[in-house]
Protein backbone atom coordinates (compact mmCIF):
# COMPACT_ATOMS: atom_id res chain seq x y z
CA MET A 1 150.92 115.83 140.13
CA ARG A 2 147.39 116.41 138.25
CA ARG A 3 146.28 112.78 139.31
CA GLY A 4 147.23 113.23 142.69
CA VAL A 5 145.02 116.23 143.01
CA ALA A 6 142.47 114.60 141.40
CA ALA A 7 142.30 111.81 143.62
CA LEU A 8 142.91 113.81 146.63
CA SER A 9 139.56 115.81 145.43
CA PHE A 10 137.60 112.76 145.08
CA LEU A 11 138.66 111.09 148.36
CA GLY A 12 137.57 114.38 150.03
CA LEU A 13 134.03 114.67 148.04
CA GLY A 14 133.31 111.09 149.27
CA LEU A 15 134.11 111.69 152.62
CA ALA A 16 132.17 114.86 152.85
CA GLN A 17 129.18 112.79 151.61
CA GLU A 18 129.61 110.12 154.14
CA ALA A 19 130.47 112.08 156.91
CA HIS A 20 127.41 111.92 158.80
CA ARG A 21 127.27 108.16 158.81
CA VAL A 22 130.50 107.74 161.12
CA GLY A 23 130.36 109.72 164.18
CA ILE A 24 132.81 107.86 166.65
CA THR A 25 133.08 110.72 168.72
CA ARG A 26 129.52 111.54 168.93
CA PRO A 27 128.00 110.59 172.54
CA GLY A 28 124.87 109.49 171.57
CA GLY A 29 124.78 106.59 173.88
CA SER A 30 126.45 105.99 177.31
CA PHE A 31 128.99 103.87 175.78
CA ASN A 32 130.15 106.56 173.45
CA GLN A 33 130.22 108.94 176.48
CA GLU A 34 132.64 106.95 178.28
CA VAL A 35 134.98 106.68 175.47
CA ALA A 36 134.71 110.51 174.92
CA PHE A 37 135.84 111.27 178.19
CA LEU A 38 139.11 109.80 177.17
CA TRP A 39 139.54 112.05 174.21
CA PRO A 40 140.55 115.18 175.89
CA TRP A 41 143.34 113.28 178.16
CA VAL A 42 144.68 111.62 175.03
CA TYR A 43 144.78 115.27 172.93
CA PHE A 44 146.38 116.86 175.94
CA PHE A 45 149.20 114.44 176.60
CA SER A 46 149.77 114.01 172.61
CA ILE A 47 150.09 118.05 172.27
CA VAL A 48 152.31 118.20 175.19
CA ILE A 49 154.65 115.57 173.90
CA PHE A 50 154.75 116.91 170.84
CA LEU A 51 155.61 120.49 171.81
CA VAL A 52 158.18 119.01 174.32
CA VAL A 53 159.99 116.92 171.50
CA ALA A 54 159.45 119.27 168.91
CA GLY A 55 160.87 122.37 171.08
CA ALA A 56 163.82 120.20 172.08
CA LEU A 57 164.74 119.34 168.63
CA ALA A 58 164.47 122.86 167.64
CA TYR A 59 166.37 124.06 170.57
CA VAL A 60 169.49 121.65 170.25
CA THR A 61 169.33 122.38 166.42
CA TRP A 62 169.85 125.85 167.19
CA LYS A 63 172.06 125.77 169.71
CA PHE A 64 174.57 123.48 168.55
CA ARG A 65 174.31 124.15 164.93
CA ALA A 66 177.48 124.72 163.03
CA ARG A 67 179.36 128.04 163.36
CA PRO A 68 181.08 129.91 160.61
CA GLY A 69 184.80 128.64 160.79
CA GLN A 70 184.27 126.00 162.66
CA GLU A 71 185.97 122.58 161.93
CA GLY A 72 186.13 119.14 163.45
CA GLU A 73 183.71 117.54 165.82
CA PRO A 74 182.16 119.63 168.57
CA PRO A 75 182.64 118.43 172.26
CA GLN A 76 180.83 115.12 173.00
CA VAL A 77 178.73 115.14 176.04
CA HIS A 78 178.61 111.35 177.34
CA GLY A 79 175.18 110.70 179.15
CA ASN A 80 173.42 112.92 181.99
CA ASP A 81 171.95 110.49 184.57
CA ARG A 82 169.19 113.29 185.78
CA LEU A 83 168.05 113.73 182.47
CA GLU A 84 167.59 110.17 181.44
CA VAL A 85 165.72 109.22 184.89
CA ILE A 86 163.36 112.55 184.03
CA TRP A 87 162.35 111.49 180.40
CA THR A 88 161.83 107.95 181.59
CA LEU A 89 159.64 108.50 184.48
CA ILE A 90 157.56 111.46 182.95
CA PRO A 91 156.65 109.00 179.71
CA LEU A 92 156.06 106.30 182.44
CA GLY A 93 153.49 108.52 184.49
CA ILE A 94 151.63 109.54 181.46
CA ILE A 95 151.29 105.92 180.44
CA LEU A 96 150.00 104.96 184.15
CA VAL A 97 147.56 107.82 183.77
CA LEU A 98 146.01 106.72 180.17
CA PHE A 99 146.19 103.27 181.34
CA GLY A 100 144.16 103.89 184.26
CA LEU A 101 141.32 105.95 182.49
CA THR A 102 141.43 103.35 179.90
CA ALA A 103 140.63 100.49 182.19
CA LYS A 104 138.06 102.65 184.17
CA ALA A 105 136.11 102.97 180.95
CA LEU A 106 136.55 99.22 179.68
CA ILE A 107 135.35 98.01 182.90
CA GLN A 108 132.44 100.61 182.63
CA VAL A 109 130.94 99.82 179.23
CA ASN A 110 131.17 95.70 179.70
CA ARG A 111 129.60 96.05 183.17
CA PRO A 112 126.10 94.35 182.40
CA ILE A 113 123.17 97.25 183.26
CA PRO A 114 120.47 95.97 185.65
CA GLY A 115 117.10 95.81 184.34
CA ALA A 116 118.39 96.30 180.58
CA MET A 117 116.15 95.64 177.81
CA LYS A 118 117.21 92.50 175.98
CA VAL A 119 117.33 92.40 172.04
CA GLU A 120 118.80 89.58 170.13
CA VAL A 121 120.80 90.54 167.04
CA THR A 122 121.65 87.99 164.32
CA GLY A 123 123.55 88.66 161.19
CA TYR A 124 122.99 87.04 157.99
CA GLN A 125 124.66 87.61 154.32
CA PHE A 126 123.84 90.43 154.01
CA TRP A 127 120.89 91.77 156.57
CA TRP A 128 120.13 92.06 160.11
CA ASP A 129 117.72 90.52 162.35
CA PHE A 130 116.57 91.97 165.71
CA HIS A 131 114.18 90.07 167.96
CA TYR A 132 113.16 91.59 171.34
CA PRO A 133 112.26 88.25 173.12
CA ALA A 134 110.66 89.82 176.17
CA LEU A 135 108.18 91.81 174.04
CA GLY A 136 107.77 88.75 171.35
CA LEU A 137 108.34 91.19 168.72
CA ARG A 138 111.14 91.11 165.87
CA ASN A 139 112.09 93.78 162.93
CA SER A 140 114.81 93.56 160.43
CA ASN A 141 117.85 95.94 159.53
CA GLU A 142 116.19 98.60 161.47
CA LEU A 143 116.43 98.15 165.66
CA ILE A 144 114.17 100.69 167.20
CA LEU A 145 115.41 101.55 170.75
CA PRO A 146 113.70 104.13 173.45
CA ALA A 147 115.98 107.09 174.61
CA GLY A 148 116.98 106.72 178.07
CA VAL A 149 116.53 103.08 178.49
CA PRO A 150 119.49 100.63 178.99
CA VAL A 151 119.82 97.91 176.40
CA GLU A 152 121.55 94.47 176.16
CA LEU A 153 122.36 93.35 172.67
CA GLU A 154 122.79 89.63 172.17
CA VAL A 155 124.89 89.52 169.08
CA THR A 156 125.39 86.65 166.69
CA SER A 157 125.52 85.03 163.27
CA LYS A 158 123.82 82.36 161.28
CA ASP A 159 126.19 81.91 158.56
CA VAL A 160 129.57 83.27 158.73
CA ILE A 161 131.65 86.15 161.00
CA HIS A 162 130.08 89.64 160.86
CA SER A 163 130.33 92.37 163.17
CA PHE A 164 128.04 94.81 164.65
CA TRP A 165 128.73 98.42 164.63
CA VAL A 166 126.91 101.69 165.23
CA PRO A 167 129.61 104.39 165.37
CA GLY A 168 127.30 107.01 166.87
CA LEU A 169 126.27 104.92 169.96
CA ALA A 170 128.71 102.21 170.72
CA GLY A 171 131.73 100.30 169.71
CA LYS A 172 131.79 96.97 167.64
CA ARG A 173 131.01 93.59 168.67
CA ASP A 174 131.76 90.36 166.40
CA ALA A 175 128.94 88.29 165.41
CA ILE A 176 130.13 84.80 165.34
CA PRO A 177 128.06 81.33 164.57
CA GLY A 178 127.48 79.60 167.31
CA GLN A 179 128.47 82.05 170.16
CA LYS A 180 126.78 85.12 171.46
CA THR A 181 128.84 88.44 172.31
CA LEU A 182 127.21 91.15 174.45
CA ILE A 183 127.17 94.80 174.23
CA HIS A 184 125.45 97.13 176.98
CA PHE A 185 124.61 100.78 176.53
CA THR A 186 122.05 103.33 177.27
CA PRO A 187 120.98 105.33 174.15
CA LYS A 188 120.82 109.33 175.05
CA GLU A 189 119.96 111.27 172.02
CA VAL A 190 116.98 110.96 169.73
CA GLY A 191 118.25 109.95 166.15
CA ASN A 192 118.50 107.67 163.22
CA TYR A 193 121.98 106.22 163.79
CA TYR A 194 123.89 104.41 160.86
CA GLY A 195 125.29 100.90 161.48
CA PHE A 196 127.71 98.89 159.51
CA CYS A 197 128.93 95.32 159.37
CA ALA A 198 132.44 95.73 160.07
CA GLU A 199 134.23 92.33 159.24
CA LEU A 200 134.52 91.15 155.70
CA CYS A 201 131.77 88.55 155.34
CA GLY A 202 131.29 88.26 151.16
CA PRO A 203 130.63 90.34 147.97
CA SER A 204 127.95 92.61 149.83
CA HIS A 205 129.84 93.25 153.11
CA ALA A 206 130.22 96.64 152.22
CA ARG A 207 126.41 97.41 151.64
CA MET A 208 125.33 95.30 154.95
CA LEU A 209 124.16 98.66 156.96
CA PHE A 210 121.56 98.88 158.88
CA ARG A 211 119.79 101.61 161.43
CA VAL A 212 119.20 102.09 164.83
CA LEU A 213 116.36 104.22 165.50
CA VAL A 214 116.29 105.96 168.89
CA VAL A 215 112.69 107.46 169.54
CA PRO A 216 111.21 108.94 172.59
CA LYS A 217 109.95 106.28 175.46
CA GLU A 218 106.67 107.41 174.87
CA GLU A 219 106.78 106.79 171.11
CA PHE A 220 108.52 103.35 171.61
CA ASP A 221 105.82 102.28 174.19
CA ARG A 222 103.31 103.54 171.33
CA PHE A 223 105.04 101.31 168.52
CA VAL A 224 105.35 98.54 171.08
CA GLU A 225 101.49 98.33 172.21
CA ALA A 226 100.51 98.50 168.62
CA ALA A 227 102.90 96.10 167.41
CA LYS A 228 101.77 93.44 169.82
CA ALA A 229 98.35 93.52 168.87
CA TYR A 230 99.40 93.64 165.11
CA THR A 231 97.52 92.14 162.51
CA PRO A 232 99.00 92.26 158.72
CA PRO A 233 96.77 94.38 156.65
CA VAL A 234 96.09 94.15 153.46
CA ALA A 235 96.41 97.45 151.57
CA ASP A 236 95.81 96.06 148.19
CA ALA A 237 94.01 92.49 147.77
CA ARG A 238 96.14 92.22 144.20
CA GLY A 239 99.42 92.92 146.02
CA HIS A 240 98.68 90.59 148.61
CA GLU A 241 98.17 87.67 146.02
CA VAL A 242 101.28 88.87 144.37
CA PHE A 243 103.27 88.75 147.56
CA GLN A 244 101.95 85.22 148.37
CA GLN A 245 102.97 83.98 145.24
CA ASN A 246 106.30 85.44 144.85
CA CYS A 247 107.74 86.45 148.24
CA MET A 248 106.23 84.32 151.07
CA ALA A 249 108.75 81.63 150.32
CA CYS A 250 111.43 83.79 151.95
CA HIS A 251 109.92 86.71 154.16
CA GLY A 252 107.61 86.67 156.72
CA VAL A 253 104.92 89.71 157.61
CA GLN A 254 104.00 88.58 161.15
CA GLY A 255 106.35 90.70 162.91
CA LYS A 256 106.53 88.40 166.04
CA MET A 257 106.97 85.20 164.43
CA PRO A 258 110.23 83.31 164.72
CA PRO A 259 113.12 84.81 162.73
CA ALA A 260 113.25 83.70 159.31
CA VAL A 261 116.44 81.76 158.26
CA ILE A 262 116.03 83.52 154.52
CA GLY A 263 114.78 86.82 153.98
CA PRO A 264 114.15 89.70 156.52
CA GLU A 265 110.84 90.27 158.05
CA LEU A 266 108.64 92.54 156.50
CA GLY A 267 106.11 93.00 159.31
CA PHE A 268 106.46 96.61 159.45
CA VAL A 269 108.42 97.14 156.37
CA GLY A 270 106.21 100.47 155.98
CA ASN A 271 107.33 102.36 158.86
CA ARG A 272 111.12 101.90 157.64
CA VAL A 273 113.42 104.38 156.71
CA SER A 274 115.66 102.58 154.40
CA LEU A 275 115.71 99.40 151.92
CA GLY A 276 118.25 96.90 151.19
CA ALA A 277 119.51 96.44 154.35
CA GLY A 278 120.15 100.55 154.70
CA ILE A 279 121.59 100.99 151.16
CA VAL A 280 118.77 103.53 149.94
CA ASP A 281 116.19 105.65 151.32
CA TYR A 282 112.49 104.14 151.75
CA THR A 283 110.45 105.35 148.81
CA PRO A 284 107.89 103.70 146.73
CA GLU A 285 110.08 104.33 143.80
CA ASN A 286 113.12 102.65 145.37
CA LEU A 287 110.86 99.76 146.65
CA LYS A 288 109.51 99.35 143.03
CA ALA A 289 113.19 99.35 141.77
CA TRP A 290 114.32 96.86 144.52
CA ILE A 291 111.96 94.30 143.81
CA LYS A 292 112.39 94.13 140.15
CA ASP A 293 116.37 94.06 140.07
CA PRO A 294 118.02 94.23 143.46
CA ALA A 295 121.48 93.26 142.15
CA SER A 296 121.52 96.29 140.42
CA MET A 297 121.33 98.39 143.79
CA LYS A 298 123.19 96.22 145.78
CA PRO A 299 125.70 93.63 144.06
CA GLY A 300 126.04 90.24 145.77
CA VAL A 301 122.52 90.58 147.40
CA LYS A 302 121.10 87.06 147.80
CA MET A 303 117.61 88.18 146.97
CA PRO A 304 116.60 87.36 143.15
CA GLY A 305 115.09 89.78 141.14
CA PHE A 306 111.60 89.68 139.63
CA PRO A 307 111.51 91.47 136.16
CA GLN A 308 108.90 89.17 134.96
CA LEU A 309 106.23 91.00 137.13
CA SER A 310 103.92 93.42 135.21
CA GLU A 311 103.69 96.93 135.98
CA GLU A 312 100.36 96.53 137.47
CA ASP A 313 101.51 93.78 139.65
CA LEU A 314 104.50 95.49 140.57
CA ASP A 315 102.55 98.63 141.72
CA ALA A 316 100.04 96.22 143.61
CA LEU A 317 102.96 94.67 145.35
CA VAL A 318 104.36 98.01 146.72
CA ARG A 319 101.21 99.59 147.80
CA TYR A 320 100.73 96.07 149.67
CA LEU A 321 104.26 96.28 151.45
CA GLU A 322 103.87 99.93 152.11
CA GLY A 323 100.64 99.10 154.31
CA LEU A 324 102.37 96.77 156.40
CA LYS A 325 103.09 99.03 158.96
CA VAL A 326 101.90 100.77 162.39
CA GLU A 327 100.23 103.69 162.09
CA GLY A 328 100.60 107.10 163.64
CA LEU A 329 104.41 106.56 163.61
CA ASP A 330 106.96 108.49 161.34
CA PHE A 331 110.82 107.79 161.85
CA LYS A 332 111.92 109.84 158.92
CA ALA A 333 112.12 113.08 160.80
CA LEU A 334 114.83 111.76 162.91
CA PRO A 335 118.13 113.45 162.80
CA LYS A 336 120.90 111.29 161.26
CA PHE A 337 124.10 110.44 162.90
């Protein structure tokens, strides 16, 4: 008994800690708004069916209970055609209503949106790449979108099957090597939305997270304008040298170069709100710990650690990476969903 209570307590604490990360009922985008329209109908019919069935069961149990002194079987009733027709037609009607509403929602969420901004989403073990082909920009692990602007995500994978899922904005889409799946929606609410890989893809699957940062359109336009003219700054000369010697073989910093096939793009890493594909908040301390021993923070990660770097080189590298950003933008204040 005590073990059961303890297990439920720890489960409750875990769910409470992570509750803000999964909000499938939050209508943050047009996709979820269509799905949210179905919830009241499902709840209504579920409650009605429960009350009717539970009420009928309670009535029959009370009405036909054994009386004191009663012996043998009570009189048997053999069928009631009218009642059987009623309890067949009513559930059929409920199913048809829910079927019609669901079909309408499915058609709506899968319908292409004219003029939508296209983003190519590519899954790798264990991180995500986001490429804006029309803008000539790319970013890794954090998808930046303008509020109120329709988007079309083209989802694929470069290694194994992944699944792209942002509960607060839209449904899931499988990322399949050699194939492209589409998802359309319009982000409505500004915020920092948690995303997940929803398909078992390897030892670090549970830590293959990402963020979708929905910002006001004016702020997004400022980001795009600055990013197009972006030249990677050198905030620390020694850090730049350490980066070239240890990191450049796997990571790019141009922001608009073709997608890397080994490691995430770091062109705007200084603007990010998270590290390690979304597993920890972005801070200089976490960045330093990540470079030194990423496996201690994300078991199964393919990035090697760099324990051989001196404290001075690590500090210089962190300063250099922090300088890789578009100035004047701060996404850390966005509400989390």
